[in-house]
Protein backbone atom coordinates (compact mmCIF):
# COMPACT_ATOMS: atom_id res chain seq x y z
CA MET A 1 54.16 -42.10 -6.26
CA ARG A 2 53.75 -40.08 -3.04
CA ASN A 3 50.50 -40.77 -1.11
CA LEU A 4 47.89 -38.30 -2.41
CA PHE A 5 45.86 -38.56 0.76
CA LEU A 6 48.82 -36.99 2.87
CA ILE A 7 49.78 -34.56 0.42
CA ALA A 8 46.29 -33.11 0.51
CA ILE A 9 45.99 -32.97 4.33
CA ALA A 10 49.23 -32.42 5.75
CA PHE A 11 52.19 -29.86 6.52
CA VAL A 12 54.09 -32.95 5.04
CA PHE A 13 57.60 -31.45 4.34
CA SER A 14 59.73 -29.08 6.58
CA SER A 15 61.61 -26.68 4.61
CA THR A 16 65.14 -25.74 5.25
CA SER A 17 67.27 -24.37 6.89
CA PHE A 18 70.64 -24.92 8.62
CA GLY A 19 73.12 -22.23 6.83
CA GLN A 20 76.27 -23.54 5.34
CA THR A 21 79.29 -22.35 3.53
CA GLN A 22 80.73 -25.65 2.29
CA LYS A 23 81.44 -26.70 -1.17
CA PRO A 24 78.27 -27.24 -3.13
CA VAL A 25 76.28 -30.23 -3.85
CA THR A 26 77.33 -32.68 -6.44
CA PHE A 27 74.32 -34.55 -7.75
CA SER A 28 74.11 -37.19 -10.38
CA ALA A 29 71.89 -40.01 -11.96
CA GLU A 30 71.18 -42.57 -14.04
CA ILE A 31 67.50 -42.64 -14.81
CA ALA A 32 66.00 -45.57 -17.07
CA ASN A 33 62.67 -44.70 -18.85
CA ARG A 34 62.88 -41.00 -18.21
CA ASN A 35 59.70 -38.96 -18.29
CA GLY A 36 61.44 -36.08 -19.71
CA ASP A 37 64.55 -34.18 -20.68
CA SER A 38 65.14 -32.76 -17.50
CA ILE A 39 64.38 -32.94 -13.84
CA LYS A 40 63.58 -30.18 -11.19
CA ILE A 41 64.64 -29.56 -7.51
CA LEU A 42 61.96 -27.94 -6.03
CA ASN A 43 61.78 -25.92 -2.57
CA SER A 44 59.54 -28.05 -0.53
CA GLY A 45 57.98 -25.26 1.14
CA ASN A 46 56.41 -23.11 -1.69
CA GLY A 47 57.06 -25.65 -4.50
CA LYS A 48 59.29 -23.25 -6.42
CA PRO A 49 62.15 -24.68 -8.49
CA ILE A 50 65.48 -23.89 -7.36
CA LYS A 51 67.22 -25.95 -9.95
CA LYS A 52 66.71 -27.40 -13.45
CA ILE A 53 68.85 -30.12 -14.55
CA GLY A 54 69.03 -31.55 -18.13
CA ILE A 55 68.84 -35.46 -18.65
CA ASP A 56 70.82 -36.75 -21.91
CA LYS A 57 69.39 -39.27 -24.04
CA GLN A 58 71.11 -42.23 -22.13
CA GLY A 59 69.36 -40.59 -18.91
CA LEU A 60 72.54 -39.40 -17.16
CA PHE A 61 72.97 -36.11 -15.67
CA LYS A 62 75.50 -34.44 -13.37
CA ASP A 63 75.28 -31.06 -11.81
CA THR A 64 76.60 -29.07 -8.99
CA PHE A 65 74.90 -26.22 -7.08
CA THR A 66 74.61 -24.81 -3.62
CA VAL A 67 71.61 -25.19 -1.15
CA GLU A 68 70.34 -24.40 2.16
CA GLU A 69 70.44 -27.86 4.06
CA GLY A 70 67.23 -29.32 4.23
CA ILE A 71 64.35 -31.12 2.66
CA TYR A 72 63.77 -30.51 -1.17
CA MET A 73 61.55 -32.08 -3.97
CA LEU A 74 62.86 -34.01 -7.04
CA PHE A 75 60.36 -33.67 -10.04
CA ASP A 76 60.97 -35.38 -13.12
CA GLY A 77 57.80 -34.02 -15.25
CA LYS A 78 55.36 -36.60 -13.69
CA GLU A 79 56.49 -37.83 -10.22
CA TYR A 80 57.85 -36.32 -6.87
CA THR A 81 60.20 -37.89 -4.23
CA GLN A 82 61.97 -36.14 -1.38
CA LEU A 83 65.55 -35.31 -1.28
CA PHE A 84 67.82 -34.15 1.63
CA LEU A 85 70.40 -31.77 0.37
CA LYS A 86 73.83 -30.43 2.15
CA ASN A 87 76.26 -28.65 0.48
CA GLY A 88 79.06 -31.16 0.32
CA TYR A 89 76.98 -34.10 -0.49
CA ASN A 90 78.27 -36.19 -3.38
CA LEU A 91 74.86 -37.78 -4.20
CA LYS A 92 74.18 -40.51 -6.99
CA LEU A 93 70.78 -41.62 -7.88
CA LYS A 94 69.96 -44.56 -9.70
CA MET A 95 66.25 -44.99 -10.90
CA ASP A 96 63.66 -46.46 -13.15
CA ALA A 97 61.07 -43.54 -13.92
CA GLN A 98 58.43 -46.13 -14.67
CA LYS A 99 58.77 -47.85 -11.41
CA PHE A 100 59.57 -44.76 -9.67
CA ASP A 101 59.59 -44.84 -5.74
CA GLU A 102 60.26 -48.71 -5.85
CA SER A 103 63.23 -48.36 -8.06
CA ILE A 104 65.23 -45.40 -6.35
CA VAL A 105 68.80 -46.17 -4.87
CA TYR A 106 71.10 -43.56 -3.74
CA SER A 107 74.91 -43.99 -3.31
CA GLY A 108 77.73 -41.40 -2.35
CA ILE A 109 77.73 -38.95 0.36
CA GLY A 110 74.09 -38.15 1.50
CA ALA A 111 72.81 -41.94 0.66
CA ALA A 112 71.80 -42.75 4.05
CA GLU A 113 69.21 -39.97 4.57
CA ASN A 114 67.91 -40.18 1.05
CA ASN A 115 67.36 -43.96 0.89
CA LEU A 116 65.54 -43.63 4.24
CA LEU A 117 63.35 -41.03 2.35
CA ALA A 118 62.64 -43.25 -0.51
CA GLN A 119 62.02 -46.23 1.78
CA ASN A 120 59.33 -44.10 3.69
CA ALA A 121 57.56 -43.01 0.65
CA ILE A 122 56.96 -46.93 -0.22
CA ALA A 123 56.11 -47.67 3.15
CA ASP A 124 53.69 -44.78 2.88
CA ALA A 125 52.18 -46.11 -0.34
CA LYS A 126 51.46 -49.50 1.41
CA TYR A 127 50.15 -47.93 4.78
CA ASP A 128 46.38 -48.63 5.23
CA TYR A 129 45.06 -45.34 5.63
CA THR A 130 41.54 -46.37 4.78
CA THR A 131 41.33 -49.03 7.60
CA LEU A 132 42.86 -46.37 9.83
CA LEU A 133 40.35 -43.63 9.34
CA ALA A 134 37.61 -46.00 9.65
CA SER A 135 38.62 -47.40 13.14
CA LYS A 136 37.01 -46.53 16.37
CA GLU A 137 38.55 -43.64 18.33
CA ASP A 138 40.41 -45.74 20.89
CA VAL A 139 41.83 -48.00 18.10
CA PHE A 140 42.58 -44.98 16.00
CA THR A 141 44.47 -43.61 18.81
CA THR A 142 46.49 -46.97 19.23
CA LEU A 143 47.41 -47.03 15.65
CA VAL A 144 48.70 -43.72 15.54
CA ALA A 145 50.86 -44.16 18.12
CA GLU A 146 52.33 -47.39 16.85
CA LYS A 147 52.81 -45.57 13.45
CA LYS A 148 54.50 -42.89 15.43
CA ASN A 149 56.93 -45.21 17.26
CA ALA A 150 57.62 -47.27 14.09
CA ASP A 151 58.53 -44.13 12.15
CA LEU A 152 60.65 -42.71 14.97
CA LEU A 153 62.60 -45.90 15.20
CA LYS A 154 63.56 -45.73 11.65
CA LEU A 155 65.51 -42.23 12.79
CA ALA A 156 67.58 -43.96 15.37
CA ASP A 157 70.55 -44.72 13.10
CA LYS A 158 73.50 -42.63 14.47
CA LYS A 159 74.86 -42.54 10.92
CA LEU A 160 72.15 -39.96 9.95
CA ASN A 161 72.58 -36.34 9.87
CA PRO A 162 71.29 -34.73 12.85
CA ASN A 163 69.62 -31.96 11.26
CA PHE A 164 67.70 -34.59 8.97
CA VAL A 165 66.63 -36.38 12.19
CA VAL A 166 65.49 -33.11 13.71
CA LEU A 167 63.34 -32.39 10.36
CA GLN A 168 61.94 -35.77 10.17
CA LYS A 169 60.57 -35.75 13.63
CA LYS A 170 59.02 -32.42 12.97
CA ASN A 171 57.39 -33.98 9.88
CA ILE A 172 56.24 -37.25 11.65
CA GLU A 173 54.70 -34.98 14.57
CA ALA A 174 52.99 -32.58 11.77
CA ASN A 175 51.88 -35.53 9.43
CA LEU A 176 50.21 -37.31 12.38
CA ALA A 177 48.69 -34.22 13.81
CA GLY A 178 47.02 -33.55 10.24
CA LEU A 179 45.88 -37.15 10.27
CA THR A 180 44.34 -36.82 13.57
CA LYS A 181 42.62 -33.67 12.71
CA TYR A 182 41.20 -35.16 9.46
CA TYR A 183 39.87 -38.09 11.47
CA LYS A 184 38.16 -35.97 13.94
CA GLN A 185 36.76 -33.89 11.29
CA GLY A 186 35.30 -36.99 9.79
CA ILE A 187 33.58 -37.85 13.01
CA GLU A 188 31.96 -34.56 12.95
CA ASN A 189 30.92 -35.07 9.34
CA ASN A 190 29.29 -38.20 9.94
CA LYS A 191 26.97 -36.84 12.25
CA LEU A 192 25.17 -35.34 9.20
CA ASN A 193 24.62 -38.91 7.97
CA GLY A 194 20.56 -39.53 8.02
CA SER A 195 19.67 -35.86 7.84
CA VAL A 196 18.12 -34.05 5.13
CA SER A 197 21.02 -32.61 2.84
CA PRO A 198 21.29 -28.95 2.42
CA SER A 199 20.31 -27.72 -1.17
CA PHE A 200 22.61 -25.88 -3.68
CA ASP A 201 21.64 -24.00 -6.77
CA PHE A 202 24.75 -23.63 -8.85
CA LEU A 203 25.86 -22.65 -12.53
CA ASN A 204 25.77 -25.55 -14.89
CA HIS A 205 28.83 -25.95 -17.30
CA LYS A 206 26.12 -26.65 -20.13
CA GLY A 207 24.21 -23.52 -19.24
CA GLY A 208 21.68 -22.50 -16.76
CA ASN A 209 21.54 -23.31 -13.07
CA THR A 210 21.16 -26.63 -11.27
CA LYS A 211 19.73 -27.71 -7.98
CA LEU A 212 19.78 -30.64 -5.78
CA GLU A 213 16.30 -31.09 -6.34
CA ASP A 214 16.47 -31.69 -9.74
CA PHE A 215 17.85 -35.18 -9.00
CA LYS A 216 15.09 -36.12 -6.41
CA GLY A 217 14.54 -39.91 -6.93
CA LYS A 218 18.07 -40.58 -7.54
CA TYR A 219 21.23 -41.51 -5.78
CA VAL A 220 23.72 -38.48 -5.59
CA TYR A 221 27.31 -38.52 -5.47
CA LEU A 222 29.13 -35.32 -5.15
CA ASP A 223 32.81 -34.40 -5.89
CA ILE A 224 34.00 -31.22 -4.30
CA TRP A 225 37.15 -30.06 -6.48
CA ALA A 226 39.10 -27.19 -7.86
CA THR A 227 41.20 -26.98 -10.92
CA TRP A 228 44.22 -26.13 -9.03
CA CYS A 229 43.88 -29.19 -6.83
CA GLY A 230 46.51 -32.04 -7.24
CA PRO A 231 44.68 -34.85 -5.51
CA CYS A 232 41.46 -33.58 -7.05
CA ARG A 233 42.88 -33.76 -10.46
CA ALA A 234 44.22 -37.42 -9.40
CA GLU A 235 40.84 -38.74 -8.91
CA ILE A 236 39.28 -37.77 -12.20
CA PRO A 237 40.16 -40.93 -14.10
CA PHE A 238 38.92 -43.34 -11.18
CA LEU A 239 35.52 -40.95 -11.02
CA LYS A 240 35.31 -41.55 -14.94
CA GLN A 241 35.65 -45.27 -14.40
CA VAL A 242 33.19 -45.16 -11.67
CA GLU A 243 30.62 -43.36 -13.99
CA GLN A 244 30.90 -45.54 -16.45
CA LYS A 245 30.34 -48.50 -14.25
CA TYR A 246 27.28 -47.10 -12.91
CA HIS A 247 25.80 -45.25 -16.05
CA ASP A 248 22.50 -47.30 -16.17
CA LYS A 249 21.96 -47.34 -12.41
CA ASN A 250 19.85 -45.06 -10.47
CA ILE A 251 22.74 -42.47 -9.77
CA VAL A 252 24.01 -39.07 -10.87
CA PHE A 253 27.40 -37.98 -10.56
CA ILE A 254 28.00 -34.24 -9.70
CA SER A 255 31.37 -32.25 -9.62
CA ILE A 256 31.31 -28.98 -7.89
CA SER A 257 34.04 -26.75 -8.08
CA VAL A 258 35.31 -24.42 -5.44
CA ASP A 259 37.44 -22.35 -7.83
CA THR A 260 37.30 -18.52 -7.64
CA ASP A 261 35.40 -16.38 -9.74
CA LYS A 262 38.66 -15.22 -11.33
CA ASP A 263 39.43 -18.82 -12.56
CA PHE A 264 35.72 -19.35 -13.79
CA GLU A 265 37.14 -19.48 -17.58
CA LYS A 266 40.09 -21.87 -16.40
CA TRP A 267 37.35 -24.02 -15.13
CA LYS A 268 35.23 -24.02 -18.19
CA THR A 269 38.20 -24.90 -20.30
CA PHE A 270 39.28 -27.52 -17.98
CA VAL A 271 36.13 -29.30 -18.16
CA LYS A 272 36.16 -29.16 -21.71
CA GLU A 273 39.69 -30.30 -22.41
CA LYS A 274 39.44 -33.07 -19.87
CA GLU A 275 36.08 -34.27 -21.24
CA LEU A 276 34.67 -34.35 -17.58
CA GLY A 277 31.70 -36.65 -17.36
CA GLY A 278 28.61 -36.34 -15.01
CA VAL A 279 27.13 -32.98 -14.17
CA GLN A 280 29.70 -30.04 -13.70
CA LEU A 281 28.52 -27.19 -11.46
CA PHE A 282 30.66 -24.07 -10.21
CA ALA A 283 29.66 -23.12 -6.65
CA ASP A 284 28.82 -19.56 -5.86
CA LYS A 285 31.23 -17.73 -3.44
CA ASN A 286 33.44 -20.79 -3.82
CA TRP A 287 34.52 -21.91 0.15
CA ASN A 288 31.89 -19.43 1.40
CA SER A 289 29.13 -21.11 -0.46
CA ASP A 290 26.25 -21.93 1.98
CA PHE A 291 26.38 -25.50 0.65
CA ILE A 292 30.03 -25.87 1.29
CA ARG A 293 29.71 -24.47 4.68
CA SER A 294 26.91 -26.55 5.90
CA PHE A 295 29.15 -29.76 5.17
CA SER A 296 32.08 -27.88 7.00
CA ILE A 297 34.31 -28.52 3.82
CA ASN A 298 37.87 -27.05 4.39
CA SER A 299 39.84 -29.39 2.43
CA ILE A 300 39.40 -31.21 -1.03
CA PRO A 301 38.83 -33.27 -2.62
CA ARG A 302 35.55 -34.16 -0.57
CA PHE A 303 33.03 -36.57 -1.60
CA ILE A 304 29.48 -36.85 -0.32
CA LEU A 305 26.56 -39.47 -1.11
CA ILE A 306 22.89 -38.59 -0.84
CA ASP A 307 19.84 -40.80 -1.36
CA PRO A 308 16.78 -40.66 -3.61
CA ASN A 309 14.88 -38.66 -0.68
CA GLY A 310 17.40 -36.07 -0.28
CA LYS A 311 18.93 -37.44 3.02
CA VAL A 312 22.79 -37.67 3.46
CA VAL A 313 24.05 -41.33 3.30
CA GLN A 314 27.68 -40.47 3.88
CA ALA A 315 28.73 -36.74 4.49
CA ASP A 316 32.37 -38.09 3.84
CA ALA A 317 32.11 -40.87 1.30
CA PRO A 318 34.86 -42.85 -0.10
CA ARG A 319 36.85 -41.48 -2.98
CA PRO A 320 36.49 -42.77 -6.45
CA SER A 321 40.21 -44.43 -6.14
CA SER A 322 39.00 -46.46 -3.06
CA ALA A 323 37.49 -50.04 -3.59
CA LYS A 324 35.07 -49.00 -0.62
CA LEU A 325 32.99 -46.89 -2.91
CA LYS A 326 32.33 -49.66 -5.44
CA GLU A 327 31.48 -51.84 -2.55
CA ASP A 328 29.01 -49.32 -1.14
CA LEU A 329 27.42 -48.52 -4.52
CA ASP A 330 26.93 -52.17 -5.40
CA GLN A 331 24.91 -52.60 -2.21
CA LEU A 332 22.87 -49.47 -2.57
CA LEU A 333 22.11 -49.91 -6.58
CA LYS A 334 21.35 -53.76 -6.58
């Protein structure tokens, strides 16, 4: 599965385009434990499908189509993986959809580039971004430089398509620039730690309005999210687990949606259908809410931890899927 952190912050994929007039792509696959009856090839720039291919009961498909040379996404109904496509490629994929990235192997013309993308996805999932982002600035700079050099070294193979190498180098630069920006924003966020938190007065899904002061005497863990945010939705199962673990402790879990007013009903329905727990609030003026702006929130999901006296413990708290959150809460809620 693609690393959700990078999907959230980056400029991750460069879209196409090196024009061609060659014969079309031939793309075939053998997929075990398929997640659906079709796969989609998506434009990596806007996420729109350019091709839908049916899969038979044996997990097989084969199709031909023309493309502009560049990076695309393959979506099987549950998971995503990158593709590099060029007219004239005869690309064969073998995959177990339940294991996904770990099982992906390509053969045929175009295999070298696409196997590298699959291997990069595995390496990215294993990379310790938590430690990187918690590093002191000089260590962070060193680690980022080491990661850049390691990523560029993978592109030294002369068998790789030159245009693919150009796109990947751009992606490496963009991803690390986004990572650095996120890190520096985190440093700024942490300057709020120990200060009195700004308050809010937001509409509650259960009716009426809710203020931060309503929870004085309790720790407050805030989840800033939106219904359209994939990484936010991915954290929901983990947040439910954390809520269950600490349900009898001195802490309240509050989710604040920054959906726009036109999506208010969508938010109400989403909360009900997904049986979201905790306190569910809808921010006035979404991104322009005074509370949201006071924490300089410009990307989501974002998590904030406030103490029983209303002071900020962590302006950029660990996300529910991070083991660090449970470690921190175990210390605070002894």
